[in-house]
N, C-alpha and C. Protein backbone atom coordinates (compact mmCIF):
# COMPACT_ATOMS: atom_id res chain seq x y z
N MET A 1 -23.64 23.93 39.24
CA MET A 1 -23.36 23.15 38.70
C MET A 1 -23.59 21.74 39.09
N LYS A 2 -23.86 20.67 38.50
CA LYS A 2 -24.38 19.43 39.33
C LYS A 2 -23.72 18.27 39.13
N PHE A 3 -23.48 17.48 39.87
CA PHE A 3 -22.95 15.99 40.00
C PHE A 3 -23.60 14.97 40.60
N SER A 4 -23.69 13.88 39.82
CA SER A 4 -24.34 12.85 40.00
C SER A 4 -23.26 11.64 40.00
N PHE A 5 -23.59 10.94 40.95
CA PHE A 5 -22.64 9.48 41.35
C PHE A 5 -23.34 8.48 41.09
N VAL A 6 -23.30 7.80 40.14
CA VAL A 6 -23.89 6.37 39.84
C VAL A 6 -23.10 5.44 41.13
N THR A 7 -23.27 4.86 42.02
CA THR A 7 -22.19 3.75 42.62
C THR A 7 -23.07 3.11 43.49
N LEU A 8 -22.83 1.59 43.96
CA LEU A 8 -23.26 0.81 44.51
C LEU A 8 -23.28 1.07 46.01
N PHE A 9 -22.35 1.78 46.49
CA PHE A 9 -21.65 2.64 47.63
C PHE A 9 -21.65 3.92 48.11
N PRO A 10 -22.96 4.41 47.98
CA PRO A 10 -22.68 6.13 47.82
C PRO A 10 -22.26 6.57 49.10
N SER A 11 -22.49 6.03 50.57
CA SER A 11 -22.02 5.87 51.84
C SER A 11 -20.06 6.06 51.44
N LEU A 12 -19.86 5.87 50.48
CA LEU A 12 -18.10 5.93 50.51
C LEU A 12 -17.78 7.51 50.04
N ILE A 13 -18.88 8.12 49.41
CA ILE A 13 -18.53 9.24 48.73
C ILE A 13 -19.28 10.39 49.58
N LYS A 14 -20.34 10.02 50.10
CA LYS A 14 -21.44 11.35 50.70
C LYS A 14 -20.21 11.92 51.68
N GLY A 15 -19.44 11.27 52.45
CA GLY A 15 -18.57 12.12 53.60
C GLY A 15 -17.76 13.34 52.88
N TYR A 16 -17.23 13.03 52.11
CA TYR A 16 -16.05 13.70 51.29
C TYR A 16 -16.60 15.03 51.29
N PHE A 17 -18.16 15.37 50.86
CA PHE A 17 -18.93 16.50 50.36
C PHE A 17 -19.53 17.23 51.69
N SER A 18 -19.17 16.48 53.18
CA SER A 18 -19.52 17.20 54.47
C SER A 18 -18.80 17.95 55.20
N ASP A 19 -17.32 18.20 54.66
CA ASP A 19 -16.71 19.31 55.67
C ASP A 19 -16.27 20.29 54.30
N SER A 20 -15.38 21.33 54.66
CA SER A 20 -14.18 21.92 54.00
C SER A 20 -14.89 22.79 52.62
N ILE A 21 -14.17 23.03 51.97
CA ILE A 21 -14.66 24.00 50.69
C ILE A 21 -15.81 23.58 50.17
N LEU A 22 -15.64 21.47 49.93
CA LEU A 22 -17.07 21.61 48.93
C LEU A 22 -18.30 21.65 49.24
N ALA A 23 -18.06 21.35 50.86
CA ALA A 23 -19.54 21.74 51.82
C ALA A 23 -19.77 22.66 51.50
N ARG A 24 -19.24 23.90 51.57
CA ARG A 24 -19.80 25.21 51.52
C ARG A 24 -20.11 25.44 49.95
N ALA A 25 -19.40 25.00 49.23
CA ALA A 25 -20.14 25.26 47.81
C ALA A 25 -21.41 24.76 48.00
N ILE A 26 -21.69 23.71 48.44
CA ILE A 26 -22.93 23.17 48.53
C ILE A 26 -23.98 24.02 48.95
N ASP A 27 -23.72 24.63 50.42
CA ASP A 27 -24.18 25.53 50.79
C ASP A 27 -24.59 26.56 49.96
N LYS A 28 -23.51 27.23 49.58
CA LYS A 28 -24.09 28.43 48.68
C LYS A 28 -24.59 27.92 47.38
N LYS A 29 -25.15 26.67 47.48
CA LYS A 29 -25.47 26.33 45.91
C LYS A 29 -24.75 26.53 44.73
N LEU A 30 -23.46 26.65 45.27
CA LEU A 30 -22.53 26.44 44.12
C LEU A 30 -22.41 25.24 43.23
N ILE A 31 -22.68 24.33 43.74
CA ILE A 31 -22.73 22.88 43.28
C ILE A 31 -23.60 22.20 43.95
N GLU A 32 -24.30 21.28 43.32
CA GLU A 32 -25.09 20.15 43.74
C GLU A 32 -24.73 18.79 43.50
N VAL A 33 -24.75 18.01 44.50
CA VAL A 33 -24.45 16.53 44.16
C VAL A 33 -25.51 15.72 44.60
N GLU A 34 -25.87 14.75 43.83
CA GLU A 34 -26.78 13.39 44.22
C GLU A 34 -26.22 12.19 43.79
N TYR A 35 -26.67 11.10 44.44
CA TYR A 35 -26.26 9.82 44.40
C TYR A 35 -27.56 9.21 44.03
N LEU A 36 -26.97 8.02 43.00
CA LEU A 36 -27.91 6.99 42.82
C LEU A 36 -27.36 5.54 42.98
N ASN A 37 -28.00 4.95 43.17
CA ASN A 37 -27.47 3.35 43.49
C ASN A 37 -28.21 2.64 42.68
N PRO A 38 -27.41 1.94 41.67
CA PRO A 38 -27.84 0.98 40.81
C PRO A 38 -28.83 0.17 41.17
N ARG A 39 -28.79 -0.68 42.49
CA ARG A 39 -29.49 -1.90 43.00
C ARG A 39 -31.06 -1.09 43.23
N ASP A 40 -31.21 -0.10 42.89
CA ASP A 40 -32.54 0.94 43.15
C ASP A 40 -33.13 0.37 41.83
N TYR A 41 -32.44 0.55 40.92
CA TYR A 41 -33.26 -0.07 39.48
C TYR A 41 -33.03 -0.90 38.92
N THR A 42 -32.64 -2.28 39.34
CA THR A 42 -32.12 -3.41 38.87
C THR A 42 -34.06 -3.72 38.76
N LEU A 43 -33.88 -4.66 37.84
CA LEU A 43 -35.26 -5.48 37.46
C LEU A 43 -35.34 -7.07 38.55
N ASN A 44 -33.65 -7.48 38.52
CA ASN A 44 -33.57 -8.77 39.22
C ASN A 44 -34.32 -8.69 40.65
N LYS A 45 -35.08 -9.79 40.61
CA LYS A 45 -35.86 -9.85 41.79
C LYS A 45 -34.94 -10.12 43.27
N HIS A 46 -33.88 -10.07 42.81
CA HIS A 46 -32.84 -10.79 44.13
C HIS A 46 -31.88 -9.49 44.50
N GLY A 47 -32.10 -8.50 43.64
CA GLY A 47 -31.49 -7.11 43.48
C GLY A 47 -30.07 -7.07 43.27
N LYS A 48 -29.80 -8.53 42.38
CA LYS A 48 -28.44 -8.30 41.78
C LYS A 48 -27.98 -7.34 40.65
N VAL A 49 -26.79 -6.89 40.45
CA VAL A 49 -26.75 -6.00 39.78
C VAL A 49 -25.57 -6.66 38.81
N ASP A 50 -25.11 -7.59 39.14
CA ASP A 50 -23.84 -8.50 38.61
C ASP A 50 -23.94 -9.89 37.85
N GLU A 51 -23.70 -10.12 36.92
CA GLU A 51 -23.59 -11.74 36.36
C GLU A 51 -22.38 -12.00 35.67
N PRO A 52 -22.17 -13.26 35.82
CA PRO A 52 -20.95 -13.87 35.00
C PRO A 52 -20.43 -13.28 33.41
N MET A 53 -19.31 -13.20 33.22
CA MET A 53 -18.67 -12.78 32.20
C MET A 53 -19.11 -13.84 30.95
N ILE A 54 -19.76 -13.22 30.08
CA ILE A 54 -19.96 -14.53 28.76
C ILE A 54 -18.69 -14.71 28.26
N GLY A 55 -18.37 -16.00 27.85
CA GLY A 55 -16.98 -16.26 27.31
C GLY A 55 -16.35 -16.37 28.36
N GLY A 56 -16.55 -16.41 29.59
CA GLY A 56 -15.86 -17.07 30.77
C GLY A 56 -14.56 -15.63 31.29
N GLY A 57 -14.26 -15.84 32.47
CA GLY A 57 -13.18 -15.04 32.88
C GLY A 57 -13.57 -14.92 34.63
N ALA A 58 -12.61 -14.39 34.97
CA ALA A 58 -12.50 -14.32 36.60
C ALA A 58 -13.51 -13.26 37.06
N GLY A 59 -14.03 -13.56 37.80
CA GLY A 59 -14.93 -12.64 38.71
C GLY A 59 -16.56 -12.14 37.97
N MET A 60 -17.37 -11.13 38.57
CA MET A 60 -18.23 -10.87 38.04
C MET A 60 -18.21 -9.58 37.36
N LEU A 61 -19.05 -9.03 36.60
CA LEU A 61 -19.21 -8.00 35.81
C LEU A 61 -20.62 -7.19 36.19
N MET A 62 -20.37 -5.82 36.30
CA MET A 62 -21.73 -5.12 36.37
C MET A 62 -22.55 -5.31 35.40
N THR A 63 -23.71 -5.94 35.54
CA THR A 63 -24.95 -5.97 34.21
C THR A 63 -25.45 -4.68 33.64
N PRO A 64 -25.57 -4.44 32.70
CA PRO A 64 -25.91 -3.44 31.66
C PRO A 64 -27.13 -2.50 31.80
N GLN A 65 -28.52 -3.42 32.59
CA GLN A 65 -29.94 -2.90 32.75
C GLN A 65 -29.93 -1.87 33.97
N PRO A 66 -29.30 -2.00 35.33
CA PRO A 66 -29.49 -1.26 36.19
C PRO A 66 -28.75 0.11 36.02
N LEU A 67 -27.60 -0.04 35.13
CA LEU A 67 -26.81 1.05 34.84
C LEU A 67 -27.76 2.12 33.71
N PHE A 68 -28.35 1.46 32.64
CA PHE A 68 -29.17 1.92 31.74
C PHE A 68 -30.43 2.58 32.40
N ASP A 69 -31.01 2.36 33.34
CA ASP A 69 -31.96 2.83 33.68
C ASP A 69 -31.65 4.08 34.83
N SER A 70 -30.40 3.54 35.64
CA SER A 70 -30.02 4.73 36.47
C SER A 70 -29.61 6.04 35.63
N ILE A 71 -29.01 6.11 34.27
CA ILE A 71 -29.05 7.11 33.42
C ILE A 71 -30.52 7.65 32.95
N LYS A 72 -31.32 6.61 32.68
CA LYS A 72 -32.52 7.28 32.14
C LYS A 72 -33.19 7.89 33.44
N ALA A 73 -33.17 7.59 34.55
CA ALA A 73 -33.62 8.44 35.74
C ALA A 73 -33.09 9.81 36.01
N ILE A 74 -31.83 9.99 35.76
CA ILE A 74 -31.05 11.31 35.62
C ILE A 74 -31.44 12.07 34.62
N LYS A 75 -31.83 11.52 33.10
CA LYS A 75 -32.14 12.05 32.03
C LYS A 75 -33.62 12.41 32.33
N SER A 76 -34.27 11.81 32.74
CA SER A 76 -35.83 12.44 32.95
C SER A 76 -36.08 13.51 33.55
N VAL A 77 -35.23 14.29 34.28
CA VAL A 77 -35.18 15.43 35.12
C VAL A 77 -33.92 16.58 34.43
N SER A 78 -32.94 15.86 33.71
CA SER A 78 -31.61 16.78 33.35
C SER A 78 -31.48 16.28 31.82
N ASP A 79 -31.45 16.86 31.05
CA ASP A 79 -31.23 16.33 29.69
C ASP A 79 -29.60 16.68 28.94
N LYS A 80 -29.10 17.66 29.74
CA LYS A 80 -27.56 18.26 29.76
C LYS A 80 -26.79 17.58 30.60
N ILE A 81 -26.69 16.39 30.06
CA ILE A 81 -25.65 15.48 31.09
C ILE A 81 -24.51 15.09 30.20
N HIS A 82 -23.12 14.87 30.92
CA HIS A 82 -21.87 14.56 30.52
C HIS A 82 -21.77 13.35 31.12
N VAL A 83 -21.92 12.23 30.39
CA VAL A 83 -21.32 10.78 31.37
C VAL A 83 -19.85 10.47 31.48
N VAL A 84 -19.29 10.38 32.81
CA VAL A 84 -17.57 10.05 32.90
C VAL A 84 -17.73 8.75 33.49
N VAL A 85 -16.76 8.17 33.00
CA VAL A 85 -16.49 6.67 33.71
C VAL A 85 -14.82 6.65 34.01
N ALA A 86 -15.02 6.14 35.30
CA ALA A 86 -13.55 5.89 35.75
C ALA A 86 -12.78 4.68 35.36
N THR A 87 -11.86 4.09 34.63
CA THR A 87 -11.39 3.02 34.16
C THR A 87 -9.77 3.24 33.73
N PRO A 88 -9.17 2.03 34.31
CA PRO A 88 -7.79 1.92 33.94
C PRO A 88 -7.52 2.37 32.31
N VAL A 89 -8.71 1.85 31.54
CA VAL A 89 -8.16 2.10 30.05
C VAL A 89 -8.37 3.56 29.87
N GLY A 90 -9.10 4.29 30.60
CA GLY A 90 -9.17 5.72 29.59
C GLY A 90 -8.22 6.53 29.67
N LYS A 91 -8.29 7.78 29.16
CA LYS A 91 -7.13 8.56 28.50
C LYS A 91 -6.83 9.33 30.09
N PRO A 92 -5.74 9.28 30.37
CA PRO A 92 -5.09 10.50 31.99
C PRO A 92 -5.96 11.42 31.75
N PHE A 93 -6.44 11.76 33.29
CA PHE A 93 -6.95 12.93 33.60
C PHE A 93 -6.15 13.86 33.92
N ARG A 94 -6.44 15.12 33.38
CA ARG A 94 -5.39 16.08 33.42
C ARG A 94 -6.14 17.46 34.30
N GLN A 95 -5.51 18.67 34.11
CA GLN A 95 -6.02 19.72 34.74
C GLN A 95 -6.89 20.45 33.55
N ASN A 96 -6.38 20.49 32.81
CA ASN A 96 -7.21 20.79 31.26
C ASN A 96 -8.58 20.31 31.34
N ASP A 97 -8.42 19.18 31.65
CA ASP A 97 -10.14 18.46 31.54
C ASP A 97 -10.86 18.75 32.62
N ALA A 98 -10.11 19.25 33.98
CA ALA A 98 -11.24 19.47 34.89
C ALA A 98 -11.91 21.05 34.84
N LYS A 99 -10.74 21.74 34.17
CA LYS A 99 -11.25 23.26 33.74
C LYS A 99 -12.50 23.24 32.68
N ARG A 100 -11.99 22.30 31.91
CA ARG A 100 -13.30 22.14 30.52
C ARG A 100 -14.52 21.92 31.02
N LEU A 101 -14.69 20.35 32.17
CA LEU A 101 -15.53 20.05 32.42
C LEU A 101 -16.03 20.79 33.40
N ALA A 102 -15.45 21.91 34.12
CA ALA A 102 -16.21 22.65 35.08
C ALA A 102 -17.28 23.81 34.15
N GLN A 103 -17.16 23.34 33.23
CA GLN A 103 -18.29 24.46 32.06
C GLN A 103 -19.42 23.57 31.93
N LYS A 104 -19.26 22.26 32.21
CA LYS A 104 -20.77 21.69 32.34
C LYS A 104 -21.36 22.20 32.99
N GLU A 105 -22.99 21.86 32.70
CA GLU A 105 -24.08 21.94 33.65
C GLU A 105 -24.21 20.87 34.56
N HIS A 106 -24.00 19.56 33.79
CA HIS A 106 -24.08 18.62 34.89
C HIS A 106 -23.44 17.49 34.28
N VAL A 107 -22.30 16.67 35.26
CA VAL A 107 -21.60 15.58 35.10
C VAL A 107 -21.74 14.69 35.65
N VAL A 108 -21.89 13.66 35.17
CA VAL A 108 -22.52 12.12 35.97
C VAL A 108 -21.00 11.30 36.00
N PHE A 109 -20.87 10.83 37.03
CA PHE A 109 -19.53 9.79 37.36
C PHE A 109 -20.24 8.49 37.67
N VAL A 110 -19.85 7.35 36.83
CA VAL A 110 -20.39 6.30 36.87
C VAL A 110 -19.11 4.95 37.36
N SER A 111 -19.67 4.73 38.67
CA SER A 111 -18.17 4.08 39.25
C SER A 111 -18.63 2.63 39.06
N GLY A 112 -17.43 1.70 38.15
CA GLY A 112 -17.42 0.34 38.21
C GLY A 112 -17.16 -0.53 39.79
N ARG A 113 -17.59 -1.76 39.58
CA ARG A 113 -17.25 -2.53 40.45
C ARG A 113 -16.86 -3.84 40.24
N TYR A 114 -16.83 -4.78 41.08
CA TYR A 114 -16.58 -5.91 40.70
C TYR A 114 -15.21 -6.31 39.52
N GLU A 115 -15.24 -6.88 38.12
CA GLU A 115 -14.56 -6.76 37.22
C GLU A 115 -14.76 -5.63 36.08
N GLY A 116 -15.69 -4.67 36.29
CA GLY A 116 -15.76 -3.45 35.83
C GLY A 116 -17.31 -3.71 35.43
N ILE A 117 -17.56 -3.17 33.88
CA ILE A 117 -19.24 -2.56 33.42
C ILE A 117 -19.02 -3.04 31.73
N ASP A 118 -20.17 -3.76 31.77
CA ASP A 118 -21.01 -4.20 30.68
C ASP A 118 -20.48 -3.44 29.44
N GLU A 119 -19.18 -3.54 28.65
CA GLU A 119 -18.95 -2.75 27.44
C GLU A 119 -20.27 -2.28 26.99
N ARG A 120 -21.38 -2.70 26.88
CA ARG A 120 -22.26 -1.96 25.98
C ARG A 120 -22.78 -0.81 26.84
N PHE A 121 -22.67 -0.82 27.56
CA PHE A 121 -22.87 0.52 28.74
C PHE A 121 -22.26 1.53 28.46
N ILE A 122 -20.82 1.24 28.35
CA ILE A 122 -19.78 2.23 27.98
C ILE A 122 -20.02 2.71 26.71
N GLU A 123 -19.96 1.97 25.56
CA GLU A 123 -19.99 2.26 24.33
C GLU A 123 -21.24 3.04 24.19
N GLU A 124 -22.59 2.87 24.70
CA GLU A 124 -23.92 3.71 24.36
C GLU A 124 -23.87 4.97 25.25
N VAL A 125 -23.25 4.87 26.28
CA VAL A 125 -23.76 5.98 26.84
C VAL A 125 -22.44 6.77 27.62
N ALA A 126 -21.35 6.27 27.87
CA ALA A 126 -19.98 7.10 28.63
C ALA A 126 -19.69 8.28 27.16
N ASP A 127 -19.63 9.67 27.85
CA ASP A 127 -19.25 10.30 26.76
C ASP A 127 -17.61 10.78 27.08
N GLU A 128 -17.04 10.07 28.11
CA GLU A 128 -15.49 10.47 28.14
C GLU A 128 -15.20 9.35 29.16
N LEU A 129 -14.04 8.36 28.89
CA LEU A 129 -13.26 7.44 30.12
C LEU A 129 -12.02 8.16 30.29
N PHE A 130 -12.00 8.08 31.94
CA PHE A 130 -10.62 8.69 32.20
C PHE A 130 -10.23 7.79 33.22
N SER A 131 -8.73 7.74 33.58
CA SER A 131 -7.99 7.40 34.19
C SER A 131 -7.03 8.19 35.34
N ILE A 132 -7.06 7.88 36.49
CA ILE A 132 -6.08 8.60 37.39
C ILE A 132 -5.26 8.39 37.58
N GLY A 133 -4.67 7.06 37.00
CA GLY A 133 -3.12 6.59 37.03
C GLY A 133 -2.96 5.06 36.54
N ASP A 134 -1.58 4.66 36.43
CA ASP A 134 -1.38 3.35 35.80
C ASP A 134 -1.30 2.29 37.22
N PHE A 135 -3.00 2.23 37.72
CA PHE A 135 -2.92 1.13 39.01
C PHE A 135 -4.41 0.97 38.92
N ILE A 136 -4.51 -0.06 39.51
CA ILE A 136 -5.95 -0.66 40.15
C ILE A 136 -6.59 -0.41 41.28
N LEU A 137 -7.85 -0.22 41.49
CA LEU A 137 -8.38 0.36 42.37
C LEU A 137 -9.82 -0.30 42.50
N THR A 138 -10.41 -1.19 43.82
CA THR A 138 -11.27 -1.93 43.91
C THR A 138 -12.60 -1.02 43.47
N GLY A 139 -12.50 -0.39 42.87
CA GLY A 139 -13.79 0.41 42.47
C GLY A 139 -13.54 1.52 42.00
N GLY A 140 -14.51 2.31 41.55
CA GLY A 140 -14.44 3.78 40.71
C GLY A 140 -15.08 4.86 41.49
N GLU A 141 -15.14 4.48 42.80
CA GLU A 141 -15.64 5.71 43.52
C GLU A 141 -14.25 6.57 44.08
N LEU A 142 -13.47 6.14 44.54
CA LEU A 142 -12.18 6.94 44.75
C LEU A 142 -11.75 7.98 43.28
N ALA A 143 -11.75 7.25 42.07
CA ALA A 143 -11.43 8.09 40.86
C ALA A 143 -12.56 8.99 40.85
N SER A 144 -13.69 8.81 40.91
CA SER A 144 -14.65 9.64 40.85
C SER A 144 -14.52 10.96 41.59
N MET A 145 -14.12 10.53 42.64
CA MET A 145 -14.36 11.68 43.88
C MET A 145 -13.13 12.40 43.07
N VAL A 146 -11.99 12.11 43.23
CA VAL A 146 -10.47 12.76 42.67
C VAL A 146 -11.10 13.62 41.65
N MET A 147 -11.66 13.11 40.54
CA MET A 147 -11.94 14.03 39.31
C MET A 147 -12.91 15.26 39.87
N CYS A 148 -14.00 14.68 40.76
CA CYS A 148 -15.24 15.69 40.86
C CYS A 148 -14.13 17.10 41.70
N ASP A 149 -13.50 16.64 42.79
CA ASP A 149 -12.89 17.56 43.36
C ASP A 149 -12.02 18.48 42.40
N ALA A 150 -11.54 18.39 41.52
CA ALA A 150 -10.75 18.86 40.68
C ALA A 150 -11.51 20.05 39.88
N ILE A 151 -12.60 19.16 39.28
CA ILE A 151 -13.58 20.01 38.44
C ILE A 151 -14.26 21.10 39.73
N ALA A 152 -14.75 20.93 40.50
CA ALA A 152 -15.55 21.68 41.55
C ALA A 152 -14.93 22.72 41.74
N ARG A 153 -13.60 22.67 41.79
CA ARG A 153 -12.80 23.90 42.55
C ARG A 153 -12.49 24.74 41.49
N ASN A 154 -12.93 24.42 40.32
CA ASN A 154 -12.77 25.48 38.88
C ASN A 154 -14.19 25.78 38.83
N VAL A 155 -14.74 25.80 39.36
CA VAL A 155 -16.22 26.23 39.35
C VAL A 155 -16.42 27.60 39.84
N ASN A 156 -17.02 28.57 39.17
CA ASN A 156 -16.48 29.96 39.71
C ASN A 156 -17.34 29.99 40.68
N GLY A 157 -16.37 30.81 42.04
CA GLY A 157 -16.92 31.27 43.14
C GLY A 157 -16.67 29.87 44.11
N VAL A 158 -16.62 28.67 43.99
CA VAL A 158 -16.00 27.54 45.03
C VAL A 158 -14.64 27.83 45.40
N LEU A 159 -13.68 28.37 45.17
CA LEU A 159 -12.36 28.43 45.96
C LEU A 159 -12.67 30.16 46.44
N GLY A 160 -12.30 30.73 47.44
CA GLY A 160 -12.47 31.85 48.08
C GLY A 160 -11.90 32.95 47.70
N ASN A 161 -10.62 32.13 46.83
CA ASN A 161 -9.61 33.39 46.18
C ASN A 161 -9.33 32.88 44.83
N SER A 162 -9.75 32.94 43.93
CA SER A 162 -9.84 32.52 42.71
C SER A 162 -8.55 32.45 42.11
N ASP A 163 -7.92 33.76 42.31
CA ASP A 163 -6.57 34.17 42.03
C ASP A 163 -5.30 32.81 42.19
N SER A 164 -5.85 32.14 43.41
CA SER A 164 -4.79 30.82 43.58
C SER A 164 -5.06 29.58 42.66
N LEU A 165 -6.00 29.83 41.76
CA LEU A 165 -6.11 28.91 40.62
C LEU A 165 -4.76 29.25 39.55
N SER A 166 -4.53 29.99 39.43
CA SER A 166 -3.50 30.79 38.33
C SER A 166 -2.03 30.29 38.42
N VAL A 167 -1.57 30.15 40.08
CA VAL A 167 -0.34 29.63 40.24
C VAL A 167 -0.16 28.84 40.73
N GLU A 168 -1.17 27.68 40.63
CA GLU A 168 -1.07 26.33 40.85
C GLU A 168 -0.28 25.28 40.06
N SER A 169 0.06 24.47 40.30
CA SER A 169 0.65 23.34 39.25
C SER A 169 -0.24 22.80 38.26
N PHE A 170 0.55 22.77 37.49
CA PHE A 170 -0.30 22.41 35.72
C PHE A 170 -0.95 23.99 35.13
N GLU A 171 -1.26 24.66 35.90
CA GLU A 171 -1.76 25.73 35.22
C GLU A 171 -0.60 26.28 34.09
N ALA A 172 0.41 26.46 34.43
CA ALA A 172 1.50 26.68 33.50
C ALA A 172 2.19 25.66 33.25
N SER A 173 3.32 25.78 32.38
CA SER A 173 3.84 24.55 32.30
C SER A 173 4.91 23.71 33.23
N ALA A 174 5.06 24.73 34.20
CA ALA A 174 5.91 24.28 35.42
C ALA A 174 5.31 23.85 36.68
N LEU A 175 5.95 23.25 37.52
CA LEU A 175 4.87 22.97 38.62
C LEU A 175 5.05 24.14 39.58
N GLU A 176 4.07 23.97 40.84
CA GLU A 176 4.03 25.36 41.39
C GLU A 176 5.38 25.32 42.23
N ALA A 177 5.78 26.91 42.48
CA ALA A 177 7.19 27.09 43.24
C ALA A 177 6.88 26.40 44.52
N PRO A 178 8.14 26.31 45.33
CA PRO A 178 7.66 25.87 46.82
C PRO A 178 7.07 27.12 47.58
N SER A 179 6.89 26.67 48.40
CA SER A 179 6.06 28.23 49.47
C SER A 179 6.53 28.03 50.60
N PHE A 180 6.39 29.01 51.43
CA PHE A 180 7.06 28.94 53.15
C PHE A 180 5.50 29.77 53.69
N SER A 181 5.67 29.31 55.20
CA SER A 181 4.70 30.30 56.14
C SER A 181 5.50 30.84 57.21
N LYS A 182 4.86 31.58 58.04
CA LYS A 182 5.86 31.68 59.39
C LYS A 182 5.52 30.56 60.14
N PRO A 183 6.59 30.47 61.03
CA PRO A 183 7.89 31.36 61.32
C PRO A 183 9.09 31.66 60.45
N LYS A 184 9.93 32.75 60.28
CA LYS A 184 10.63 32.86 59.51
C LYS A 184 12.02 31.74 59.25
N ILE A 185 11.86 31.40 60.64
CA ILE A 185 13.07 30.34 61.12
C ILE A 185 12.45 29.53 61.90
N TYR A 186 12.73 27.95 61.53
CA TYR A 186 12.04 26.86 62.10
C TYR A 186 13.11 25.80 62.55
N ASN A 187 13.18 25.67 63.78
CA ASN A 187 14.51 24.23 63.73
C ASN A 187 15.66 25.04 62.94
N GLU A 188 16.15 25.97 63.30
CA GLU A 188 17.39 26.35 62.87
C GLU A 188 17.17 26.66 60.92
N ILE A 189 16.00 26.22 60.37
CA ILE A 189 16.03 26.29 58.84
C ILE A 189 15.38 27.72 58.53
N GLY A 190 15.87 28.38 57.54
CA GLY A 190 15.16 29.79 57.23
C GLY A 190 14.90 29.35 55.71
N VAL A 191 14.17 30.60 55.48
CA VAL A 191 13.71 30.57 54.11
C VAL A 191 14.64 31.29 53.21
N PRO A 192 14.54 31.28 51.91
CA PRO A 192 14.86 32.21 50.84
C PRO A 192 14.93 33.68 50.98
N SER A 193 16.07 34.27 51.51
CA SER A 193 16.32 35.63 52.00
C SER A 193 15.39 36.66 50.98
N GLU A 194 15.16 36.29 49.59
CA GLU A 194 14.87 37.51 48.90
C GLU A 194 13.00 37.68 49.26
N LEU A 195 12.58 36.43 49.74
CA LEU A 195 11.31 36.53 49.66
C LEU A 195 10.78 37.40 50.97
N LEU A 196 11.81 38.14 51.69
CA LEU A 196 11.49 38.61 52.89
C LEU A 196 11.88 40.48 52.60
N LYS A 197 12.22 40.62 51.74
CA LYS A 197 12.78 41.74 51.17
C LYS A 197 11.80 42.79 50.49
N GLY A 198 10.80 42.33 50.02
CA GLY A 198 9.31 43.04 49.69
C GLY A 198 9.30 43.44 48.40
N ASN A 199 10.54 42.81 47.37
CA ASN A 199 10.47 43.29 46.02
C ASN A 199 9.85 42.64 45.47
N HIS A 200 8.57 42.85 44.72
CA HIS A 200 7.78 41.65 44.01
C HIS A 200 8.36 41.15 43.01
N ALA A 201 9.31 42.06 41.94
CA ALA A 201 9.53 41.81 41.06
C ALA A 201 10.68 40.57 41.04
N LYS A 202 11.53 41.00 42.27
CA LYS A 202 12.59 39.83 42.25
C LYS A 202 11.88 38.58 43.16
N ILE A 203 10.80 38.69 43.63
CA ILE A 203 10.46 37.72 44.38
C ILE A 203 9.72 36.64 43.42
N SER A 204 8.91 37.22 42.10
CA SER A 204 8.58 36.77 41.21
C SER A 204 9.38 35.80 40.09
N ASP A 205 10.56 36.51 40.21
CA ASP A 205 11.55 35.83 39.40
C ASP A 205 12.12 34.84 40.08
N LEU A 206 12.26 34.79 41.60
CA LEU A 206 12.95 33.79 42.02
C LEU A 206 11.85 32.53 42.46
N LYS A 207 10.46 33.16 42.31
CA LYS A 207 9.29 31.81 42.17
C LYS A 207 9.74 31.09 41.00
N ASN A 208 9.84 31.86 40.10
CA ASN A 208 9.90 31.02 38.77
C ASN A 208 11.16 30.24 38.30
N ALA A 209 11.85 30.95 39.00
CA ALA A 209 13.61 29.84 38.95
C ALA A 209 13.12 28.44 40.05
N MET A 210 12.50 28.99 41.15
CA MET A 210 12.10 27.53 41.87
C MET A 210 11.31 26.78 41.40
N ALA A 211 10.46 27.24 40.18
CA ALA A 211 9.39 26.23 39.72
C ALA A 211 10.19 25.83 38.85
N LYS A 212 11.04 26.23 38.24
CA LYS A 212 11.43 25.38 37.11
C LYS A 212 12.58 24.33 37.91
N CYS A 213 13.11 24.65 38.96
CA CYS A 213 14.38 23.77 39.24
C CYS A 213 13.38 22.48 40.07
N LYS A 214 12.05 22.74 40.65
CA LYS A 214 11.29 21.71 41.18
C LYS A 214 10.55 20.79 40.22
N THR A 215 10.41 21.59 38.89
CA THR A 215 9.86 20.58 37.82
C THR A 215 10.96 19.84 37.29
N LYS A 216 12.19 20.23 37.13
CA LYS A 216 13.42 19.58 36.33
C LYS A 216 13.37 18.25 37.38
N TYR A 217 13.43 18.84 38.78
CA TYR A 217 13.31 17.39 39.69
C TYR A 217 12.58 16.48 40.02
N PHE A 218 11.35 16.83 39.77
CA PHE A 218 10.36 15.86 39.99
C PHE A 218 9.52 15.45 38.92
N ARG A 219 9.53 16.16 37.61
CA ARG A 219 8.99 15.90 36.61
C ARG A 219 9.73 16.37 35.09
N PRO A 220 11.00 15.60 35.11
CA PRO A 220 11.71 16.11 34.24
C PRO A 220 10.87 16.18 32.60
N ASP A 221 9.91 15.47 32.53
CA ASP A 221 9.00 15.33 31.31
C ASP A 221 8.74 16.49 30.87
N MET A 222 8.19 17.39 31.92
CA MET A 222 7.45 18.32 31.94
C MET A 222 8.45 19.67 31.45
N HIS A 223 9.64 19.49 32.39
CA HIS A 223 11.03 20.21 32.27
C HIS A 223 11.58 20.35 30.77
N LYS A 224 10.91 19.49 30.04
CA LYS A 224 11.70 19.18 28.64
C LYS A 224 11.05 20.45 27.59
N GLN A 225 9.40 20.61 28.33
CA GLN A 225 8.89 21.76 27.46
C GLN A 225 8.91 23.18 28.26
N LEU A 226 9.79 23.34 29.10
CA LEU A 226 10.03 24.67 29.22
C LEU A 226 10.95 25.52 28.05
């Protein structure tokens, strides 16, 4: 699977893919990542990619031409692309979106800067608009990385143990149950005794009960659906 990042600041993103699971996925050619800077495609002789907003307004806006030409460059070598724009006005990004997009051949993330992106580009090019929360970031790079990480780990082979996906939060209607590691007692705090007895059926029942309690406490909106 291929990911393309259209961003004015590729260096903000590149480091995230240099270590751990995603770096290994790149080495194994399970995923591919590329970066395109709209400045490389602008026709402005000064390298500008922003202009004042028509009709007035605070700040500058990313102008459409460099963005359109960035996507044109991607399409020249890959015709099956799915363009995603991170924006506060988009629909909330969920785990089901990550799983669905992991089935795509090529996802392109377009990161806005300044006061955003010219609406004509969004209307003509974007396949989906997503928000990662009700807050404002200085640019779309962080949101794009969040979504890419969530998508990539659902690509077959990226996780060493694919079974771990099935027990994570949001895979079912409840959050993931609390987890414990060795030692059995730390700072005089133990773990639930049932986890130590080896009865897998009872352990499963306990984890389900703990997951429901955790969901009720942290996400009462989800608990109502249990």
